[in-house]
Structure formats: structure tokens, C-alpha cells
């Protein structure tokens, strides 16, 4: 009994301290991923009670540090992903819902933490990123003799930020999903997970790629439709890239029996694939159309 109480107290304190660290480090999304094992353990039992006590611990630490009461409201942002993990593991019944919950959670987390950092720390993350890009582009365009072109390019990239944010949410979702899968299996949480080798995008992705590609050929002026098409093209292209990675992983899993060697080979190919992004997108599109490894589900697609 004492050991159980000790373990429970350790989980609650660890979770509370971790949320404070995440808060103080400006809600870093990579750090949020690091917490997924802790989220899964917390979800295993007494989730609501654990969340309430952990928040009380976090709030107490924040108050002891002398932070203003408004910080307690922003602290709630750090609980978005644990709640999504709970919904994913305990409520969701389909693969589609699993990924939808995590993607929506990461998207909400990113939008809110960007706003929170701007209010609490007076840091505009988007503006800083655009400023860095502008500096990089200015050095290049000075060489070619056109200084103003860098400003126009940065303004255009600003319009594409929604697409890039969604792409980041999708990427974090995939990583979070398979971290959750690994830890859930270790701690005995029963849940059906989709192997990465079986990951297959919905047919709507194929249709969307064709439609938005055709639309882009006829759009020359930067207007609302052009911005929407450009953002959708970014998102769909990334989904095709993930499709290609899944195909590569399926081939490796089939040809190489050793998980260790197969895993390292996939990591190497993943790094190399970023150098051939356009080719990977094309491979992903072909796989969606022809289903090379016959992985397409009969009923439910991802």
C-alpha cells in the first residue's frame, strides 16, 4: 500500500514539475513530445484525479515563483496533449479518430502556445522566423542584385504559415502516435495501433493533389483562392511524402528480419529522403494510385 502511494505521489509530482518546466521553456513542442511517456502512464488510471492534483502542484510552483495569476490560465495549455492522449487511448475506437484527435490536439497546442508566448514573453515566434528567413534571402538576392525580392518572398511565406503549422502538427502527431504505441504496450494498455508499414492515406488525398495542382496552373494573381490552394498543396505534398516513407518502411520490414538493422536503415533513408523531397512526393502519389505493396485497407483508410 505504501509503495503504491509512493509511486502515485512520484507520478503526480513528476507530472506537475514537468508541466511547469514546459511552461517556463515557452511550451516547446519538441519538449512536449518528450512528455508522451509520462502522459501515457498518467492516462493508465485515475486520469481526472491525476490531472487535477498535477495542476494544483504546477499552480503552486508557479505562485511560489512569484508569477502573476494570469500565468495559471496559460498553464492549462500544457494539459492539452495529455487530454488528447487520454481521448486517444480510452475513448477513440477507430484509427481515423486516433489520428484526428492527436492532430487536432497538436494544432490547438501550437496555435495557443504561439499566442501565449507573444503575450507572456513578448516574443512573436512567427515574426522572428520570418525575420531569420528574410536575412537568409537578403544575402542571396543581394548577390543577384535584387534587394526587394526578399521582402516579397517573405511576405508570401507569411501567407503560407497556416500550411506549415498544419504540416508540423501532422509530423508531431505521427511521432507522438508511435511513442504512445511503444509506451502503451510496455505498461499494458490495451489498444489497437496501426503499424507504420500499414499507413495509407485516404483516397481524398489523391483527388486533392490532382485538383489543387490543376488549379495552381490557372492561378497567377495572389488572392484568397491562390493562398488557399498554396496552403493545401503544402499539406497534401507532405502527406504524400509520409506515404512514400511508409512504403519504404514496408519494404524494409519485408526484406530485413532484424528490427535493429531495419530501424537504422530507415533512419538513414529518412535523412537522405529530405534531399529528394520532390521525388519522394512523386513516389507517394504513385503508391496512392497503384498501392505497390497492397497495403490499402478494405474498409477504413487513414
Protein backbone atom coordinates (compact mmCIF):
# COMPACT_ATOMS: atom_id res chain seq x y z
CA UNK A 1 0.00 0.00 0.00
CA UNK A 2 2.79 2.39 0.96
CA UNK A 3 4.70 1.55 -2.23
CA UNK A 4 1.60 2.26 -4.31
CA UNK A 5 1.08 5.63 -2.61
CA UNK A 6 4.74 6.44 -3.10
CA UNK A 7 4.57 5.63 -6.80
CA UNK A 8 1.35 7.63 -7.17
CA UNK A 9 2.90 10.62 -5.44
CA UNK A 10 6.00 10.35 -7.61
CA UNK A 11 3.90 10.33 -10.79
CA UNK A 12 1.88 13.36 -9.67
CA UNK A 13 4.91 15.39 -8.62
CA UNK A 14 6.87 14.45 -11.74
CA UNK A 15 3.95 15.41 -13.96
CA UNK A 16 3.39 18.70 -12.13
CA UNK A 17 7.07 19.68 -12.28
CA UNK A 18 7.31 18.66 -15.94
CA UNK A 19 4.33 20.88 -16.85
CA UNK A 20 6.00 23.82 -15.10
CA UNK A 21 9.25 23.19 -17.00
CA UNK A 22 7.29 23.00 -20.25
CA UNK A 23 5.57 26.28 -19.36
CA UNK A 24 8.83 28.06 -18.46
CA UNK A 25 10.54 26.86 -21.65
CA UNK A 26 7.84 28.58 -23.71
CA UNK A 27 5.78 25.45 -24.47
CA UNK A 28 8.44 23.99 -26.76
CA UNK A 29 6.60 21.37 -28.93
CA UNK A 30 9.65 19.08 -29.06
CA UNK A 31 9.79 19.10 -25.27
CA UNK A 32 6.04 18.35 -25.28
CA UNK A 33 6.83 15.19 -27.28
CA UNK A 34 9.35 14.14 -24.64
CA UNK A 35 6.49 14.06 -22.14
CA UNK A 36 4.43 11.48 -24.05
CA UNK A 37 5.65 8.52 -21.97
CA UNK A 38 4.55 10.41 -18.85
CA UNK A 39 1.21 11.25 -20.46
CA UNK A 40 0.59 7.56 -21.22
CA UNK A 41 1.43 6.49 -17.66
CA UNK A 42 -0.87 9.20 -16.28
CA UNK A 43 -3.70 8.04 -18.54
CA UNK A 44 -3.48 4.45 -17.28
CA UNK A 45 -5.74 5.06 -14.26
CA UNK A 46 -7.45 7.84 -12.27
CA UNK A 47 -6.82 10.30 -15.09
CA UNK A 48 -9.14 13.13 -14.00
CA UNK A 49 -7.89 12.96 -10.41
CA UNK A 50 -4.27 12.93 -11.51
CA UNK A 51 -4.82 15.90 -13.82
CA UNK A 52 -6.45 17.94 -11.06
CA UNK A 53 -3.74 17.21 -8.49
CA UNK A 54 -0.94 17.76 -11.02
CA UNK A 55 -2.42 21.11 -11.98
CA UNK A 56 -2.59 22.08 -8.31
CA UNK A 57 1.08 21.17 -7.91
CA UNK A 58 2.03 23.12 -11.06
CA UNK A 59 -0.03 26.13 -9.98
CA UNK A 60 1.57 26.10 -6.52
CA UNK A 61 5.06 26.11 -8.02
CA UNK A 62 4.11 28.97 -10.36
CA UNK A 63 2.75 31.02 -7.43
CA UNK A 64 5.85 30.32 -5.31
CA UNK A 65 7.95 31.63 -8.20
CA UNK A 66 6.03 34.90 -7.98
CA UNK A 67 4.30 34.67 -11.36
CA UNK A 68 1.11 36.68 -11.87
CA UNK A 69 -2.26 34.84 -11.64
CA UNK A 70 -2.76 35.12 -15.42
CA UNK A 71 0.03 32.54 -15.78
CA UNK A 72 -2.22 29.94 -14.17
CA UNK A 73 -4.58 30.27 -17.11
CA UNK A 74 -1.83 29.83 -19.69
CA UNK A 75 -0.52 26.86 -17.70
CA UNK A 76 -3.63 24.98 -18.87
CA UNK A 77 -2.14 24.87 -22.39
CA UNK A 78 0.33 22.26 -21.15
CA UNK A 79 -2.58 19.91 -20.37
CA UNK A 80 -3.96 19.85 -23.94
CA UNK A 81 -1.79 16.97 -25.12
CA UNK A 82 -2.30 14.75 -22.03
CA UNK A 83 -6.05 15.12 -22.51
CA UNK A 84 -5.66 14.18 -26.18
CA UNK A 85 -3.67 11.09 -25.19
CA UNK A 86 -6.49 10.13 -22.81
CA UNK A 87 -9.11 10.55 -25.56
CA UNK A 88 -6.89 8.65 -27.98
CA UNK A 89 -6.24 5.69 -25.69
CA UNK A 90 -9.51 5.47 -23.76
CA UNK A 91 -12.26 6.96 -25.92
CA UNK A 92 -11.31 6.64 -29.59
CA UNK A 93 -12.46 3.48 -31.36
CA UNK A 94 -11.06 3.93 -34.88
CA UNK A 95 -7.68 4.61 -36.47
CA UNK A 96 -9.05 7.70 -38.21
CA UNK A 97 -10.29 9.13 -34.91
CA UNK A 98 -6.94 8.33 -33.26
CA UNK A 99 -5.00 10.46 -35.71
CA UNK A 100 -7.70 13.14 -35.85
CA UNK A 101 -7.59 13.61 -32.06
CA UNK A 102 -3.80 13.89 -31.92
CA UNK A 103 -3.56 16.17 -34.96
CA UNK A 104 -6.28 18.48 -33.62
CA UNK A 105 -4.53 18.48 -30.24
CA UNK A 106 -1.14 19.40 -31.65
CA UNK A 107 -2.69 22.05 -33.89
CA UNK A 108 -4.56 23.63 -30.97
CA UNK A 109 -1.43 23.39 -28.81
CA UNK A 110 0.68 25.18 -31.41
CA UNK A 111 -1.81 27.96 -32.05
CA UNK A 112 -2.30 28.63 -28.33
CA UNK A 113 1.37 28.45 -27.38
CA UNK A 114 2.28 30.92 -30.16
CA UNK A 115 -0.33 33.32 -28.72
CA UNK A 116 0.78 32.65 -25.14
CA UNK A 117 4.46 33.27 -25.85
CA UNK A 118 3.55 36.55 -27.55
CA UNK A 119 1.52 37.70 -24.51
CA UNK A 120 3.70 36.34 -21.70
CA UNK A 121 7.18 36.77 -23.12
CA UNK A 122 6.55 39.48 -25.75
CA UNK A 123 8.03 37.19 -28.38
CA UNK A 124 6.39 36.89 -31.79
CA UNK A 125 7.57 33.46 -32.95
CA UNK A 126 6.23 33.86 -36.49
CA UNK A 127 7.80 37.31 -36.88
CA UNK A 128 11.13 36.01 -35.61
CA UNK A 129 11.06 33.08 -38.03
CA UNK A 130 10.21 35.38 -40.94
CA UNK A 131 12.99 37.76 -39.88
CA UNK A 132 15.51 34.90 -39.97
CA UNK A 133 14.28 33.84 -43.41
CA UNK A 134 14.44 37.43 -44.64
CA UNK A 135 18.06 37.68 -43.52
CA UNK A 136 18.90 34.48 -45.37
CA UNK A 137 17.12 35.57 -48.54
CA UNK A 138 18.61 39.09 -48.47
CA UNK A 139 22.15 37.72 -48.59
CA UNK A 140 21.25 35.63 -51.61
CA UNK A 141 19.29 38.29 -53.51
CA UNK A 142 22.00 40.89 -52.92
CA UNK A 143 24.29 38.67 -54.93
CA UNK A 144 21.83 38.58 -57.84
CA UNK A 145 21.18 42.32 -57.48
CA UNK A 146 17.54 42.42 -56.33
CA UNK A 147 17.15 43.50 -52.69
CA UNK A 148 13.35 43.98 -52.74
CA UNK A 149 12.63 40.46 -53.93
CA UNK A 150 13.50 39.04 -50.50
CA UNK A 151 10.77 41.16 -48.86
CA UNK A 152 8.19 39.98 -51.37
CA UNK A 153 9.19 36.35 -50.83
CA UNK A 154 8.97 36.71 -47.04
CA UNK A 155 5.51 38.29 -47.31
CA UNK A 156 4.42 35.38 -49.48
CA UNK A 157 5.81 32.85 -46.99
CA UNK A 158 3.85 34.63 -44.26
CA UNK A 159 0.66 33.74 -46.14
CA UNK A 160 1.76 30.08 -46.20
CA UNK A 161 2.32 29.85 -42.44
CA UNK A 162 -1.04 28.08 -41.79
CA UNK A 163 0.05 25.27 -44.11
CA UNK A 164 3.45 24.94 -42.42
CA UNK A 165 1.85 24.91 -38.95
CA UNK A 166 -0.52 22.11 -40.01
CA UNK A 167 2.38 20.17 -41.52
CA UNK A 168 4.24 20.47 -38.21
CA UNK A 169 1.14 19.28 -36.33
CA UNK A 170 0.86 16.25 -38.63
CA UNK A 171 4.55 15.41 -38.15
CA UNK A 172 4.38 15.73 -34.36
CA UNK A 173 1.23 13.60 -34.40
CA UNK A 174 3.00 10.74 -36.17
CA UNK A 175 5.93 10.83 -33.75
CA UNK A 176 3.59 11.12 -30.75
CA UNK A 177 1.41 8.28 -32.03
CA UNK A 178 4.27 5.79 -32.24
CA UNK A 179 5.81 6.91 -28.93
CA UNK A 180 2.39 6.29 -27.39
CA UNK A 181 2.18 2.90 -29.08
CA UNK A 182 5.55 1.83 -27.68
CA UNK A 183 4.89 3.01 -24.12
CA UNK A 184 1.27 1.78 -24.02
CA UNK A 185 2.41 -1.71 -24.94
CA UNK A 186 5.07 -1.59 -22.23
CA UNK A 187 2.65 -0.52 -19.45
CA UNK A 188 -0.10 -2.91 -20.52
CA UNK A 189 -2.69 -0.53 -22.01
CA UNK A 190 -4.83 -2.48 -24.47
CA UNK A 191 -5.25 -0.61 -27.74
CA UNK A 192 -5.15 -1.48 -31.45
CA UNK A 193 -2.40 0.51 -33.16
CA UNK A 194 -1.65 0.91 -36.84
CA UNK A 195 1.88 -0.21 -37.84
CA UNK A 196 3.74 2.46 -39.80
CA UNK A 197 4.22 -0.05 -42.61
CA UNK A 198 0.41 -0.17 -43.00
CA UNK A 199 -0.07 3.59 -43.03
CA UNK A 200 -2.13 4.50 -46.10
CA UNK A 201 -3.64 7.89 -46.85
CA UNK A 202 -7.30 8.31 -47.82
CA UNK A 203 -8.22 8.40 -51.49
CA UNK A 204 -9.23 12.04 -50.97
CA UNK A 205 -5.53 12.90 -50.82
CA UNK A 206 -5.05 11.64 -54.39
CA UNK A 207 -8.07 13.59 -55.62
CA UNK A 208 -6.97 16.67 -53.70
CA UNK A 209 -3.47 16.59 -55.18
CA UNK A 210 -4.83 16.42 -58.73
CA UNK A 211 -7.44 19.13 -58.16
CA UNK A 212 -5.13 21.61 -56.43
CA UNK A 213 -2.34 21.00 -58.92
CA UNK A 214 -4.69 21.80 -61.81
CA UNK A 215 -5.99 24.89 -60.00
CA UNK A 216 -2.45 26.13 -59.40
CA UNK A 217 -1.81 26.11 -63.15
CA UNK A 218 -4.57 28.66 -63.72
CA UNK A 219 -3.87 30.96 -60.77
CA UNK A 220 -1.42 33.77 -61.42
CA UNK A 221 -2.52 36.54 -59.05
CA UNK A 222 -2.05 36.30 -55.28
CA UNK A 223 -5.60 36.32 -53.92
CA UNK A 224 -7.60 34.36 -51.35
CA UNK A 225 -8.04 31.34 -53.64
CA UNK A 226 -4.34 31.34 -54.50
CA UNK A 227 -3.42 31.35 -50.81
CA UNK A 228 -5.85 28.51 -50.03
CA UNK A 229 -4.57 26.43 -52.94
CA UNK A 230 -0.94 27.05 -51.97
CA UNK A 231 -1.52 26.05 -48.34
CA UNK A 232 -3.45 22.92 -49.34
CA UNK A 233 -0.70 21.98 -51.79
CA UNK A 234 1.87 22.16 -48.98
CA UNK A 235 -0.26 19.96 -46.70
CA UNK A 236 -1.11 17.38 -49.37
CA UNK A 237 2.50 17.23 -50.56
CA UNK A 238 3.62 16.43 -47.02
CA UNK A 239 1.01 13.67 -46.75
CA UNK A 240 2.41 12.18 -49.97
CA UNK A 241 5.91 12.37 -48.50
CA UNK A 242 4.69 10.44 -45.45
CA UNK A 243 3.03 7.93 -47.80
CA UNK A 244 6.39 7.37 -49.52
CA UNK A 245 8.12 6.89 -46.15
CA UNK A 246 5.52 4.31 -45.18
CA UNK A 247 6.16 2.44 -48.43
CA UNK A 248 9.91 2.46 -47.80
CA UNK A 249 9.37 1.21 -44.25
CA UNK A 250 7.08 -1.57 -45.53
CA UNK A 251 9.75 -2.72 -47.99
CA UNK A 252 12.45 -2.69 -45.29
CA UNK A 253 10.21 -4.61 -42.86
CA UNK A 254 9.58 -7.23 -45.55
CA UNK A 255 13.17 -7.63 -46.68
CA UNK A 256 15.10 -7.28 -43.40
CA UNK A 257 14.22 -9.55 -40.49
CA UNK A 258 16.30 -7.71 -37.88
CA UNK A 259 14.31 -4.80 -36.38
CA UNK A 260 17.55 -3.12 -35.24
CA UNK A 261 19.19 -3.16 -38.68
CA UNK A 262 15.90 -2.28 -40.37
CA UNK A 263 15.36 0.63 -38.00
CA UNK A 264 18.79 2.12 -38.59
CA UNK A 265 18.45 1.67 -42.35
CA UNK A 266 15.14 3.50 -42.28
CA UNK A 267 16.67 6.38 -40.29
CA UNK A 268 19.47 6.71 -42.87
CA UNK A 269 16.98 6.65 -45.74
CA UNK A 270 14.78 9.17 -43.91
CA UNK A 271 17.69 11.62 -43.71
CA UNK A 272 18.54 11.07 -47.36
CA UNK A 273 14.91 11.39 -48.45
CA UNK A 274 14.80 15.03 -47.33
CA UNK A 275 17.32 15.77 -50.08
CA UNK A 276 14.96 14.32 -52.68
CA UNK A 277 11.66 15.74 -51.45
CA UNK A 278 10.07 16.18 -54.88
CA UNK A 279 10.94 12.60 -55.85
CA UNK A 280 9.51 11.29 -52.57
CA UNK A 281 6.27 13.20 -53.12
CA UNK A 282 6.00 11.68 -56.59
CA UNK A 283 6.63 8.18 -55.20
CA UNK A 284 3.96 8.76 -52.57
CA UNK A 285 1.47 9.80 -55.23
CA UNK A 286 2.21 6.71 -57.33
CA UNK A 287 1.81 4.48 -54.27
CA UNK A 288 -1.58 6.03 -53.52
CA UNK A 289 -2.69 5.30 -57.07
CA UNK A 290 -1.18 1.83 -57.58
CA UNK A 291 -0.73 0.58 -53.97
CA UNK A 292 2.57 -1.19 -54.68
CA UNK A 293 2.62 -3.30 -51.50
CA UNK A 294 -1.16 -3.89 -51.39
CA UNK A 295 -1.48 -2.11 -48.05
CA UNK A 296 -4.68 -0.22 -48.75
CA UNK A 297 -7.34 -1.19 -46.16
CA UNK A 298 -10.54 -2.68 -47.49
CA UNK A 299 -12.83 -0.59 -45.31
CA UNK A 300 -11.13 2.00 -43.16
CA UNK A 301 -8.35 4.18 -44.51
CA UNK A 302 -6.14 6.51 -42.58
